[in-house]
Amino acid sequence: MASATGRFRRSTPTPAQLRATAAGEASADAAMAQVALDNAGDGHPADTLVVPRDLTAAAFFDVDNTMIMGASIFHFARGLAARKYFTGSDLAGMAWKQLLFRVSGRESATSVATGREQALSFVAGRETAEITRLGEEIFDELIADKIWAGTRALAQMHLDAGQQVWLVTATPVELAQIIARRLGLTGALGTVAESADGVFTGRLVGDILHGPAKAQAVRALAAREGLNLRRCTAYSDSHNDVPMLSAVGTAVAVNPDQDLRELARARGWQVRDFRTGRRAARIGVPSVLGAGAVAGAVAAGISHRRNA
């Protein structure tokens, strides 16, 4: 509403919006800190360190049911259960939620928050280094063979074009970063669990990285890396990720739920479905890389500053 001076008053952010902003900023900070450690040689180097040549474009991939089959946090929980971190009944509850998600292809903000917070509670009091080590083991045991080959190929296409490739997920950032490293990607944006003196407190920084928080994290990272969001691409299976998909110039629905499929059709977004082998839209390199990708190649050979 306009004031007497003719200016428009800004609405006060809601608590949910403030939490989403805090979550996005914390995730971007954690992502940049991990990239700096990887580049400095912290003992956990990426499988393939790629120096971007196209400095203003990047790709952002959701993880669960987009990059991997099912929910990464459930696979991680299975690994923790096998190591007696919690009981079989705890895992059974997670398995039921995971089954519903796999069958319906849908998720709600409430169920996501509840599931992630439940999982994070199991690491309360554990050392961050311990959870990272376990994450490496569990990736090899339970996640490595669940990568969607088609989505992995899309990510590689962006890497081959000299672009950064980031995972964006509600999964704890430590696990997301492991997946990113193992796939040779640039890094990951994920839910940040609070820690003190190298020990998890069981609380979150801000909120779960879900819905609007994912979009905030992408925007925050873009600001830090000097990315032009109009030249960036985002991939997801879930209608809940529409804020992230809408924040970039090119949106691609991968293994989409029904709501996202319908929205993609209405907005002219590209669709890829690797669950049945059908391709709702053939995607060539120029279209997926987004407008201006060829022009961006003039930056080839220029090293990208990655000092944050």
C-alpha atoms as a PDB file:
ATOM      1  CA  MET A   1       0.000   0.000   0.000  1.00  0.00           C
ATOM      2  CA  ALA A   2       1.281   3.468  -0.874  1.00  0.00           C
ATOM      3  CA  SER A   3       2.009   5.854   1.985  1.00  0.00           C
ATOM      4  CA  ALA A   4       1.173   9.553   2.129  1.00  0.00           C
ATOM      5  CA  THR A   5       4.545  10.314   0.581  1.00  0.00           C
ATOM      6  CA  GLY A   6       3.774   8.132  -2.412  1.00  0.00           C
ATOM      7  CA  ARG A   7       6.343   5.536  -1.478  1.00  0.00           C
ATOM      8  CA  PHE A   8       5.562   1.856  -1.068  1.00  0.00           C
ATOM      9  CA  ARG A   9       6.116   0.334   2.315  1.00  0.00           C
ATOM     10  CA  ARG A  10       7.912  -2.974   2.362  1.00  0.00           C
ATOM     11  CA  SER A  11       6.032  -5.791   4.027  1.00  0.00           C
ATOM     12  CA  THR A  12       7.648  -7.254   7.116  1.00  0.00           C
ATOM     13  CA  PRO A  13       9.103 -10.735   6.437  1.00  0.00           C
ATOM     14  CA  THR A  14       7.261 -13.559   8.138  1.00  0.00           C
ATOM     15  CA  PRO A  15       9.104 -15.863  10.563  1.00  0.00           C
ATOM     16  CA  ALA A  16       9.039 -18.576   7.879  1.00  0.00           C
ATOM     17  CA  GLN A  17      10.599 -16.211   5.344  1.00  0.00           C
ATOM     18  CA  LEU A  18      13.289 -15.203   7.822  1.00  0.00           C
ATOM     19  CA  ARG A  19      14.096 -18.859   8.519  1.00  0.00           C
ATOM     20  CA  ALA A  20      14.246 -19.602   4.787  1.00  0.00           C
ATOM     21  CA  THR A  21      16.614 -16.684   4.252  1.00  0.00           C
ATOM     22  CA  ALA A  22      18.831 -17.787   7.142  1.00  0.00           C
ATOM     23  CA  ALA A  23      18.877 -21.345   5.817  1.00  0.00           C
ATOM     24  CA  GLY A  24      19.792 -20.203   2.311  1.00  0.00           C
ATOM     25  CA  GLU A  25      22.567 -17.895   3.459  1.00  0.00           C
ATOM     26  CA  ALA A  26      23.995 -20.536   5.823  1.00  0.00           C
ATOM     27  CA  SER A  27      23.929 -23.127   3.059  1.00  0.00           C
ATOM     28  CA  ALA A  28      25.737 -20.828   0.625  1.00  0.00           C
ATOM     29  CA  ASP A  29      28.365 -20.038   3.250  1.00  0.00           C
ATOM     30  CA  ALA A  30      28.879 -23.740   3.999  1.00  0.00           C
ATOM     31  CA  ALA A  31      29.123 -24.540   0.298  1.00  0.00           C
ATOM     32  CA  MET A  32      31.765 -21.923  -0.360  1.00  0.00           C
ATOM     33  CA  ALA A  33      33.742 -22.924   2.734  1.00  0.00           C
ATOM     34  CA  GLN A  34      33.838 -26.562   1.595  1.00  0.00           C
ATOM     35  CA  VAL A  35      34.934 -25.623  -1.919  1.00  0.00           C
ATOM     36  CA  ALA A  36      37.744 -23.556  -0.431  1.00  0.00           C
ATOM     37  CA  LEU A  37      38.836 -26.540   1.680  1.00  0.00           C
ATOM     38  CA  ASP A  38      38.714 -28.882  -1.291  1.00  0.00           C
ATOM     39  CA  ASN A  39      40.810 -26.508  -3.373  1.00  0.00           C
ATOM     40  CA  ALA A  40      43.301 -26.129  -0.523  1.00  0.00           C
ATOM     41  CA  GLY A  41      43.617 -29.902  -0.170  1.00  0.00           C
ATOM     42  CA  ASP A  42      41.823 -30.920   3.024  1.00  0.00           C
ATOM     43  CA  GLY A  43      42.084 -34.625   2.406  1.00  0.00           C
ATOM     44  CA  HIS A  44      38.683 -34.824   0.707  1.00  0.00           C
ATOM     45  CA  PRO A  45      39.354 -33.660  -2.859  1.00  0.00           C
ATOM     46  CA  ALA A  46      36.705 -33.840  -5.512  1.00  0.00           C
ATOM     47  CA  ASP A  47      37.017 -36.829  -7.819  1.00  0.00           C
ATOM     48  CA  THR A  48      37.459 -34.481 -10.747  1.00  0.00           C
ATOM     49  CA  LEU A  49      38.371 -30.856 -10.115  1.00  0.00           C
ATOM     50  CA  VAL A  50      36.941 -28.821 -12.956  1.00  0.00           C
ATOM     51  CA  VAL A  51      37.918 -25.188 -13.408  1.00  0.00           C
ATOM     52  CA  PRO A  52      34.897 -23.395 -14.908  1.00  0.00           C
ATOM     53  CA  ARG A  53      35.452 -21.597 -18.193  1.00  0.00           C
ATOM     54  CA  ASP A  54      31.946 -20.197 -18.490  1.00  0.00           C
ATOM     55  CA  LEU A  55      32.113 -17.942 -15.484  1.00  0.00           C
ATOM     56  CA  THR A  56      28.544 -16.687 -15.213  1.00  0.00           C
ATOM     57  CA  ALA A  57      26.490 -19.841 -15.834  1.00  0.00           C
ATOM     58  CA  ALA A  58      25.853 -22.830 -13.580  1.00  0.00           C
ATOM     59  CA  ALA A  59      23.497 -25.779 -13.141  1.00  0.00           C
ATOM     60  CA  PHE A  60      21.619 -26.599  -9.939  1.00  0.00           C
ATOM     61  CA  PHE A  61      20.349 -30.139  -9.339  1.00  0.00           C
ATOM     62  CA  ASP A  62      17.905 -31.338  -6.721  1.00  0.00           C
ATOM     63  CA  VAL A  63      19.064 -34.670  -5.251  1.00  0.00           C
ATOM     64  CA  ASP A  64      16.215 -36.910  -4.092  1.00  0.00           C
ATOM     65  CA  ASN A  65      14.519 -38.641  -7.038  1.00  0.00           C
ATOM     66  CA  THR A  66      16.303 -36.214  -9.376  1.00  0.00           C
ATOM     67  CA  MET A  67      19.974 -37.167  -9.050  1.00  0.00           C
ATOM     68  CA  ILE A  68      19.467 -40.366  -7.047  1.00  0.00           C
ATOM     69  CA  MET A  69      16.689 -42.926  -6.736  1.00  0.00           C
ATOM     70  CA  GLY A  70      14.705 -42.254  -3.569  1.00  0.00           C
ATOM     71  CA  ALA A  71      15.671 -40.113  -0.597  1.00  0.00           C
ATOM     72  CA  SER A  72      19.332 -39.728   0.266  1.00  0.00           C
ATOM     73  CA  ILE A  73      18.589 -39.170   3.953  1.00  0.00           C
ATOM     74  CA  PHE A  74      16.783 -42.533   4.110  1.00  0.00           C
ATOM     75  CA  HIS A  75      19.770 -44.320   2.567  1.00  0.00           C
ATOM     76  CA  PHE A  76      22.004 -42.567   5.079  1.00  0.00           C
ATOM     77  CA  ALA A  77      19.654 -43.587   7.893  1.00  0.00           C
ATOM     78  CA  ARG A  78      19.841 -47.217   6.754  1.00  0.00           C
ATOM     79  CA  GLY A  79      23.600 -47.060   7.026  1.00  0.00           C
ATOM     80  CA  LEU A  80      23.406 -45.517  10.482  1.00  0.00           C
ATOM     81  CA  ALA A  81      20.897 -48.130  11.607  1.00  0.00           C
ATOM     82  CA  ALA A  82      23.247 -50.888  10.473  1.00  0.00           C
ATOM     83  CA  ARG A  83      25.830 -49.279  12.751  1.00  0.00           C
ATOM     84  CA  LYS A  84      23.376 -49.231  15.682  1.00  0.00           C
ATOM     85  CA  TYR A  85      22.923 -45.451  15.711  1.00  0.00           C
ATOM     86  CA  PHE A  86      19.206 -45.949  16.233  1.00  0.00           C
ATOM     87  CA  THR A  87      16.604 -48.698  16.366  1.00  0.00           C
ATOM     88  CA  GLY A  88      14.855 -50.683  13.700  1.00  0.00           C
ATOM     89  CA  SER A  89      11.528 -49.111  14.638  1.00  0.00           C
ATOM     90  CA  ASP A  90      12.981 -45.656  13.945  1.00  0.00           C
ATOM     91  CA  LEU A  91      14.086 -46.829  10.519  1.00  0.00           C
ATOM     92  CA  ALA A  92      10.709 -48.461   9.888  1.00  0.00           C
ATOM     93  CA  GLY A  93       9.019 -45.092  10.391  1.00  0.00           C
ATOM     94  CA  MET A  94      11.377 -43.499   7.886  1.00  0.00           C
ATOM     95  CA  ALA A  95      10.871 -46.404   5.466  1.00  0.00           C
ATOM     96  CA  TRP A  96       7.113 -45.915   5.506  1.00  0.00           C
ATOM     97  CA  LYS A  97       7.475 -42.231   4.664  1.00  0.00           C
ATOM     98  CA  GLN A  98       9.992 -43.130   1.960  1.00  0.00           C
ATOM     99  CA  LEU A  99       7.600 -45.691   0.455  1.00  0.00           C
ATOM    100  CA  LEU A 100       4.804 -43.127   0.311  1.00  0.00           C
ATOM    101  CA  PHE A 101       7.142 -40.687  -1.401  1.00  0.00           C
ATOM    102  CA  ARG A 102       8.338 -43.279  -3.935  1.00  0.00           C
ATOM    103  CA  VAL A 103       4.792 -44.385  -4.779  1.00  0.00           C
ATOM    104  CA  SER A 104       3.143 -40.969  -4.929  1.00  0.00           C
ATOM    105  CA  GLY A 105       6.063 -38.894  -6.148  1.00  0.00           C
ATOM    106  CA  ARG A 106       4.859 -36.176  -3.788  1.00  0.00           C
ATOM    107  CA  GLU A 107       6.140 -34.604  -0.636  1.00  0.00           C
ATOM    108  CA  SER A 108       4.911 -31.839   1.644  1.00  0.00           C
ATOM    109  CA  ALA A 109       6.916 -29.165   3.397  1.00  0.00           C
ATOM    110  CA  THR A 110       5.713 -30.545   6.725  1.00  0.00           C
ATOM    111  CA  SER A 111       6.737 -34.131   5.988  1.00  0.00           C
ATOM    112  CA  VAL A 112      10.115 -33.015   4.680  1.00  0.00           C
ATOM    113  CA  ALA A 113      10.793 -30.892   7.748  1.00  0.00           C
ATOM    114  CA  THR A 114       9.685 -33.642  10.118  1.00  0.00           C
ATOM    115  CA  GLY A 115      11.763 -36.293   8.396  1.00  0.00           C
ATOM    116  CA  ARG A 116      14.937 -34.216   8.178  1.00  0.00           C
ATOM    117  CA  GLU A 117      14.649 -32.964  11.752  1.00  0.00           C
ATOM    118  CA  GLN A 118      14.130 -36.542  12.936  1.00  0.00           C
ATOM    119  CA  ALA A 119      17.239 -37.625  11.074  1.00  0.00           C
ATOM    120  CA  LEU A 120      19.250 -34.701  12.384  1.00  0.00           C
ATOM    121  CA  SER A 121      18.268 -35.578  15.941  1.00  0.00           C
ATOM    122  CA  PHE A 122      20.161 -38.841  15.593  1.00  0.00           C
ATOM    123  CA  VAL A 123      23.451 -37.030  15.060  1.00  0.00           C
ATOM    124  CA  ALA A 124      23.046 -34.708  18.041  1.00  0.00           C
ATOM    125  CA  GLY A 125      26.136 -34.984  20.190  1.00  0.00           C
ATOM    126  CA  ARG A 126      28.157 -36.675  17.435  1.00  0.00           C
ATOM    127  CA  GLU A 127      31.341 -35.173  16.053  1.00  0.00           C
ATOM    128  CA  THR A 128      30.985 -33.640  12.605  1.00  0.00           C
ATOM    129  CA  ALA A 129      34.107 -35.473  11.420  1.00  0.00           C
ATOM    130  CA  GLU A 130      32.584 -38.797  12.488  1.00  0.00           C
ATOM    131  CA  ILE A 131      29.385 -38.214  10.531  1.00  0.00           C
ATOM    132  CA  THR A 132      31.362 -37.166   7.461  1.00  0.00           C
ATOM    133  CA  ARG A 133      33.446 -40.358   7.651  1.00  0.00           C
ATOM    134  CA  LEU A 134      30.303 -42.463   7.986  1.00  0.00           C
ATOM    135  CA  GLY A 135      28.742 -40.598   5.079  1.00  0.00           C
ATOM    136  CA  GLU A 136      31.659 -41.574   2.851  1.00  0.00           C
ATOM    137  CA  GLU A 137      31.227 -45.238   3.801  1.00  0.00           C
ATOM    138  CA  ILE A 138      27.456 -45.184   3.378  1.00  0.00           C
ATOM    139  CA  PHE A 139      27.709 -43.516  -0.021  1.00  0.00           C
ATOM    140  CA  ASP A 140      29.806 -46.442  -1.272  1.00  0.00           C
ATOM    141  CA  GLU A 141      27.502 -49.024   0.309  1.00  0.00           C
ATOM    142  CA  LEU A 142      24.030 -47.674  -0.436  1.00  0.00           C
ATOM    143  CA  ILE A 143      24.001 -44.603  -2.668  1.00  0.00           C
ATOM    144  CA  ALA A 144      26.604 -45.005  -5.412  1.00  0.00           C
ATOM    145  CA  ASP A 145      24.513 -47.530  -7.356  1.00  0.00           C
ATOM    146  CA  LYS A 146      21.358 -45.416  -7.104  1.00  0.00           C
ATOM    147  CA  ILE A 147      22.511 -42.488  -9.231  1.00  0.00           C
ATOM    148  CA  TRP A 148      20.231 -41.812 -12.180  1.00  0.00           C
ATOM    149  CA  ALA A 149      22.532 -42.270 -15.184  1.00  0.00           C
ATOM    150  CA  GLY A 150      20.503 -39.837 -17.278  1.00  0.00           C
ATOM    151  CA  THR A 151      20.682 -37.072 -14.703  1.00  0.00           C
ATOM    152  CA  ARG A 152      24.384 -37.715 -14.155  1.00  0.00           C
ATOM    153  CA  ALA A 153      24.889 -37.286 -17.905  1.00  0.00           C
ATOM    154  CA  LEU A 154      23.081 -33.940 -17.805  1.00  0.00           C
ATOM    155  CA  ALA A 155      25.368 -32.774 -15.007  1.00  0.00           C
ATOM    156  CA  GLN A 156      28.426 -33.905 -16.959  1.00  0.00           C
ATOM    157  CA  MET A 157      27.207 -31.959 -19.968  1.00  0.00           C
ATOM    158  CA  HIS A 158      27.321 -28.752 -17.924  1.00  0.00           C
ATOM    159  CA  LEU A 159      30.770 -29.615 -16.581  1.00  0.00           C
ATOM    160  CA  ASP A 160      32.007 -30.274 -20.111  1.00  0.00           C
ATOM    161  CA  ALA A 161      30.692 -26.833 -21.071  1.00  0.00           C
ATOM    162  CA  GLY A 162      32.893 -25.337 -18.360  1.00  0.00           C
ATOM    163  CA  GLN A 163      30.051 -24.498 -15.986  1.00  0.00           C
ATOM    164  CA  GLN A 164      29.744 -25.007 -12.246  1.00  0.00           C
ATOM    165  CA  VAL A 165      27.358 -27.771 -11.153  1.00  0.00           C
ATOM    166  CA  TRP A 166      25.793 -27.683  -7.687  1.00  0.00           C
ATOM    167  CA  LEU A 167      23.497 -30.027  -5.797  1.00  0.00           C
ATOM    168  CA  VAL A 168      20.666 -28.301  -3.910  1.00  0.00           C
ATOM    169  CA  THR A 169      18.907 -30.433  -1.326  1.00  0.00           C
ATOM    170  CA  ALA A 170      17.151 -30.560   2.032  1.00  0.00           C
ATOM    171  CA  THR A 171      19.562 -33.341   2.981  1.00  0.00           C
ATOM    172  CA  PRO A 172      22.216 -32.342   5.562  1.00  0.00           C
ATOM    173  CA  VAL A 173      24.951 -30.432   3.783  1.00  0.00           C
ATOM    174  CA  GLU A 174      27.684 -32.849   4.931  1.00  0.00           C
ATOM    175  CA  LEU A 175      26.028 -35.736   3.078  1.00  0.00           C
ATOM    176  CA  ALA A 176      25.194 -33.553   0.076  1.00  0.00           C
ATOM    177  CA  GLN A 177      28.834 -32.479  -0.196  1.00  0.00           C
ATOM    178  CA  ILE A 178      29.972 -36.104  -0.159  1.00  0.00           C
ATOM    179  CA  ILE A 179      27.629 -36.923  -3.045  1.00  0.00           C
ATOM    180  CA  ALA A 180      28.861 -33.876  -4.956  1.00  0.00           C
ATOM    181  CA  ARG A 181      32.513 -34.791  -4.442  1.00  0.00           C
ATOM    182  CA  ARG A 182      31.995 -38.387  -5.492  1.00  0.00           C
ATOM    183  CA  LEU A 183      30.253 -37.246  -8.674  1.00  0.00           C
ATOM    184  CA  GLY A 184      32.987 -34.718  -9.446  1.00  0.00           C
ATOM    185  CA  LEU A 185      30.614 -31.754  -9.137  1.00  0.00           C
ATOM    186  CA  THR A 186      31.469 -28.264  -7.935  1.00  0.00           C
ATOM    187  CA  GLY A 187      29.755 -28.536  -4.557  1.00  0.00           C
ATOM    188  CA  ALA A 188      26.461 -28.747  -2.716  1.00  0.00           C
ATOM    189  CA  LEU A 189      23.889 -26.587  -0.985  1.00  0.00           C
ATOM    190  CA  GLY A 190      22.110 -28.433   1.819  1.00  0.00           C
ATOM    191  CA  THR A 191      20.484 -28.114   5.219  1.00  0.00           C
ATOM    192  CA  VAL A 192      22.985 -26.786   7.744  1.00  0.00           C
ATOM    193  CA  ALA A 193      22.933 -28.468  11.159  1.00  0.00           C
ATOM    194  CA  GLU A 194      24.300 -26.341  13.957  1.00  0.00           C
ATOM    195  CA  SER A 195      27.584 -27.473  15.499  1.00  0.00           C
ATOM    196  CA  ALA A 196      29.727 -26.238  18.359  1.00  0.00           C
ATOM    197  CA  ASP A 197      33.388 -27.184  18.753  1.00  0.00           C
ATOM    198  CA  GLY A 198      33.031 -29.819  16.054  1.00  0.00           C
ATOM    199  CA  VAL A 199      29.958 -31.458  17.624  1.00  0.00           C
ATOM    200  CA  PHE A 200      26.387 -31.375  16.292  1.00  0.00           C
ATOM    201  CA  THR A 201      23.876 -29.742  18.626  1.00  0.00           C
ATOM    202  CA  GLY A 202      20.814 -31.306  16.974  1.00  0.00           C
ATOM    203  CA  ARG A 203      19.461 -27.893  15.950  1.00  0.00           C
ATOM    204  CA  LEU A 204      19.242 -26.313  12.513  1.00  0.00           C
ATOM    205  CA  VAL A 205      20.678 -23.036  11.241  1.00  0.00           C
ATOM    206  CA  GLY A 206      17.577 -21.262   9.990  1.00  0.00           C
ATOM    207  CA  ASP A 207      15.369 -23.994   8.593  1.00  0.00           C
ATOM    208  CA  ILE A 208      15.278 -27.038   6.342  1.00  0.00           C
ATOM    209  CA  LEU A 209      16.603 -26.153   2.880  1.00  0.00           C
ATOM    210  CA  HIS A 210      13.292 -26.746   1.167  1.00  0.00           C
ATOM    211  CA  GLY A 211      10.997 -24.799  -1.131  1.00  0.00           C
ATOM    212  CA  PRO A 212      11.733 -21.051  -0.901  1.00  0.00           C
ATOM    213  CA  ALA A 213      14.905 -21.733   1.120  1.00  0.00           C
ATOM    214  CA  LYS A 214      16.405 -23.560  -1.871  1.00  0.00           C
ATOM    215  CA  ALA A 215      15.743 -20.562  -4.092  1.00  0.00           C
ATOM    216  CA  GLN A 216      17.318 -18.299  -1.477  1.00  0.00           C
ATOM    217  CA  ALA A 217      20.409 -20.518  -1.317  1.00  0.00           C
ATOM    218  CA  VAL A 218      20.762 -20.435  -5.107  1.00  0.00           C
ATOM    219  CA  ARG A 219      20.457 -16.647  -5.163  1.00  0.00           C
ATOM    220  CA  ALA A 220      22.939 -16.302  -2.297  1.00  0.00           C
ATOM    221  CA  LEU A 221      25.462 -18.549  -4.027  1.00  0.00           C
ATOM    222  CA  ALA A 222      24.986 -16.707  -7.316  1.00  0.00           C
ATOM    223  CA  ALA A 223      25.776 -13.424  -5.572  1.00  0.00           C
ATOM    224  CA  ARG A 224      28.961 -14.889  -4.072  1.00  0.00           C
ATOM    225  CA  GLU A 225      30.108 -16.484  -7.338  1.00  0.00           C
ATOM    226  CA  GLY A 226      29.087 -13.720  -9.738  1.00  0.00           C
ATOM    227  CA  LEU A 227      26.610 -15.938 -11.595  1.00  0.00           C
ATOM    228  CA  ASN A 228      23.947 -14.591 -13.924  1.00  0.00           C
ATOM    229  CA  LEU A 229      20.826 -16.497 -12.899  1.00  0.00           C
ATOM    230  CA  ARG A 230      19.251 -15.881 -16.298  1.00  0.00           C
ATOM    231  CA  ARG A 231      22.049 -18.025 -17.765  1.00  0.00           C
ATOM    232  CA  CYS A 232      21.683 -20.764 -15.142  1.00  0.00           C
ATOM    233  CA  THR A 233      19.692 -24.011 -15.269  1.00  0.00           C
ATOM    234  CA  ALA A 234      17.856 -25.864 -12.491  1.00  0.00           C
ATOM    235  CA  TYR A 235      16.629 -29.454 -12.380  1.00  0.00           C
ATOM    236  CA  SER A 236      14.103 -31.030 -10.013  1.00  0.00           C
ATOM    237  CA  ASP A 237      11.416 -33.693  -9.729  1.00  0.00           C
ATOM    238  CA  SER A 238       9.198 -31.883  -7.231  1.00  0.00           C
ATOM    239  CA  HIS A 239       6.571 -29.171  -7.459  1.00  0.00           C
ATOM    240  CA  ASN A 240       7.939 -27.943  -4.126  1.00  0.00           C
ATOM    241  CA  ASP A 241      11.043 -26.783  -5.992  1.00  0.00           C
ATOM    242  CA  VAL A 242       9.161 -24.374  -8.248  1.00  0.00           C
ATOM    243  CA  PRO A 243      10.747 -21.394  -6.416  1.00  0.00           C
ATOM    244  CA  MET A 244      14.219 -22.668  -7.360  1.00  0.00           C
ATOM    245  CA  LEU A 245      13.167 -23.586 -10.899  1.00  0.00           C
ATOM    246  CA  SER A 246      11.637 -20.141 -11.338  1.00  0.00           C
ATOM    247  CA  ALA A 247      14.772 -18.378 -10.088  1.00  0.00           C
ATOM    248  CA  VAL A 248      16.856 -19.365 -13.121  1.00  0.00           C
ATOM    249  CA  GLY A 249      16.646 -18.844 -16.850  1.00  0.00           C
ATOM    250  CA  THR A 250      16.142 -22.496 -17.797  1.00  0.00           C
ATOM    251  CA  ALA A 251      14.064 -24.980 -15.790  1.00  0.00           C
ATOM    252  CA  VAL A 252      14.015 -28.731 -16.415  1.00  0.00           C
ATOM    253  CA  ALA A 253      11.630 -31.163 -14.738  1.00  0.00           C
ATOM    254  CA  VAL A 254      13.349 -34.521 -14.112  1.00  0.00           C
ATOM    255  CA  ASN A 255      11.224 -37.534 -13.141  1.00  0.00           C
ATOM    256  CA  PRO A 256       8.510 -35.002 -12.260  1.00  0.00           C
ATOM    257  CA  ASP A 257       5.584 -35.484  -9.914  1.00  0.00           C
ATOM    258  CA  GLN A 258       2.200 -34.859 -11.502  1.00  0.00           C
ATOM    259  CA  ASP A 259       1.910 -31.256 -10.328  1.00  0.00           C
ATOM    260  CA  LEU A 260       5.343 -30.353 -11.690  1.00  0.00           C
ATOM    261  CA  ARG A 261       4.674 -32.163 -14.963  1.00  0.00           C
ATOM    262  CA  GLU A 262       1.517 -30.133 -15.489  1.00  0.00           C
ATOM    263  CA  LEU A 263       3.220 -26.877 -14.563  1.00  0.00           C
ATOM    264  CA  ALA A 264       6.159 -27.655 -16.850  1.00  0.00           C
ATOM    265  CA  ARG A 265       3.758 -28.241 -19.699  1.00  0.00           C
ATOM    266  CA  ALA A 266       1.961 -24.961 -18.974  1.00  0.00           C
ATOM    267  CA  ARG A 267       5.193 -22.952 -18.753  1.00  0.00           C
ATOM    268  CA  GLY A 268       6.993 -24.668 -21.602  1.00  0.00           C
ATOM    269  CA  TRP A 269       9.677 -26.116 -19.348  1.00  0.00           C
ATOM    270  CA  GLN A 270      11.658 -29.081 -20.573  1.00  0.00           C
ATOM    271  CA  VAL A 271      10.917 -32.517 -19.110  1.00  0.00           C
ATOM    272  CA  ARG A 272      13.072 -35.608 -18.742  1.00  0.00           C
ATOM    273  CA  ASP A 273      11.755 -38.832 -17.233  1.00  0.00           C
ATOM    274  CA  PHE A 274      14.339 -41.549 -16.619  1.00  0.00           C
ATOM    275  CA  ARG A 275      12.006 -43.810 -14.647  1.00  0.00           C
ATOM    276  CA  THR A 276      10.418 -45.399 -17.707  1.00  0.00           C
ATOM    277  CA  GLY A 277      12.941 -44.531 -20.364  1.00  0.00           C
ATOM    278  CA  ARG A 278      10.557 -42.140 -22.099  1.00  0.00           C
ATOM    279  CA  ARG A 279      11.644 -38.638 -22.944  1.00  0.00           C
ATOM    280  CA  ALA A 280       8.912 -36.066 -22.656  1.00  0.00           C
ATOM    281  CA  ALA A 281      11.186 -33.645 -24.491  1.00  0.00           C
ATOM    282  CA  ARG A 282      14.409 -34.163 -26.333  1.00  0.00           C
ATOM    283  CA  ILE A 283      17.022 -31.869 -24.878  1.00  0.00           C
ATOM    284  CA  GLY A 284      19.980 -30.833 -26.912  1.00  0.00           C
ATOM    285  CA  VAL A 285      23.123 -29.297 -25.467  1.00  0.00           C
ATOM    286  CA  PRO A 286      22.324 -25.712 -26.535  1.00  0.00           C
ATOM    287  CA  SER A 287      18.820 -25.697 -24.992  1.00  0.00           C
ATOM    288  CA  VAL A 288      19.765 -27.239 -21.669  1.00  0.00           C
ATOM    289  CA  LEU A 289      22.769 -25.013 -21.185  1.00  0.00           C
ATOM    290  CA  GLY A 290      20.471 -22.035 -21.483  1.00  0.00           C
ATOM    291  CA  ALA A 291      20.501 -18.882 -23.527  1.00  0.00           C
ATOM    292  CA  GLY A 292      23.904 -17.365 -24.013  1.00  0.00           C
ATOM    293  CA  ALA A 293      25.893 -20.543 -23.345  1.00  0.00           C
ATOM    294  CA  VAL A 294      27.783 -20.239 -26.617  1.00  0.00           C
ATOM    295  CA  ALA A 295      28.553 -16.589 -25.984  1.00  0.00           C
ATOM    296  CA  GLY A 296      29.766 -17.530 -22.533  1.00  0.00           C
ATOM    297  CA  ALA A 297      32.389 -19.776 -24.051  1.00  0.00           C
ATOM    298  CA  VAL A 298      34.484 -16.726 -24.844  1.00  0.00           C
ATOM    299  CA  ALA A 299      35.618 -17.004 -21.254  1.00  0.00           C
ATOM    300  CA  ALA A 300      37.328 -20.307 -22.067  1.00  0.00           C
ATOM    301  CA  GLY A 301      40.779 -20.597 -20.648  1.00  0.00           C
ATOM    302  CA  ILE A 302      40.196 -18.012 -17.944  1.00  0.00           C
ATOM    303  CA  SER A 303      40.637 -19.381 -14.429  1.00  0.00           C
ATOM    304  CA  HIS A 304      37.665 -18.867 -12.138  1.00  0.00           C
ATOM    305  CA  ARG A 305      38.404 -17.313  -8.794  1.00  0.00           C
ATOM    306  CA  ARG A 306      37.279 -19.728  -6.093  1.00  0.00           C
ATOM    307  CA  ASN A 307      38.733 -18.161  -2.972  1.00  0.00           C
ATOM    308  CA  ALA A 308      35.628 -17.831  -0.830  1.00  0.00           C
END
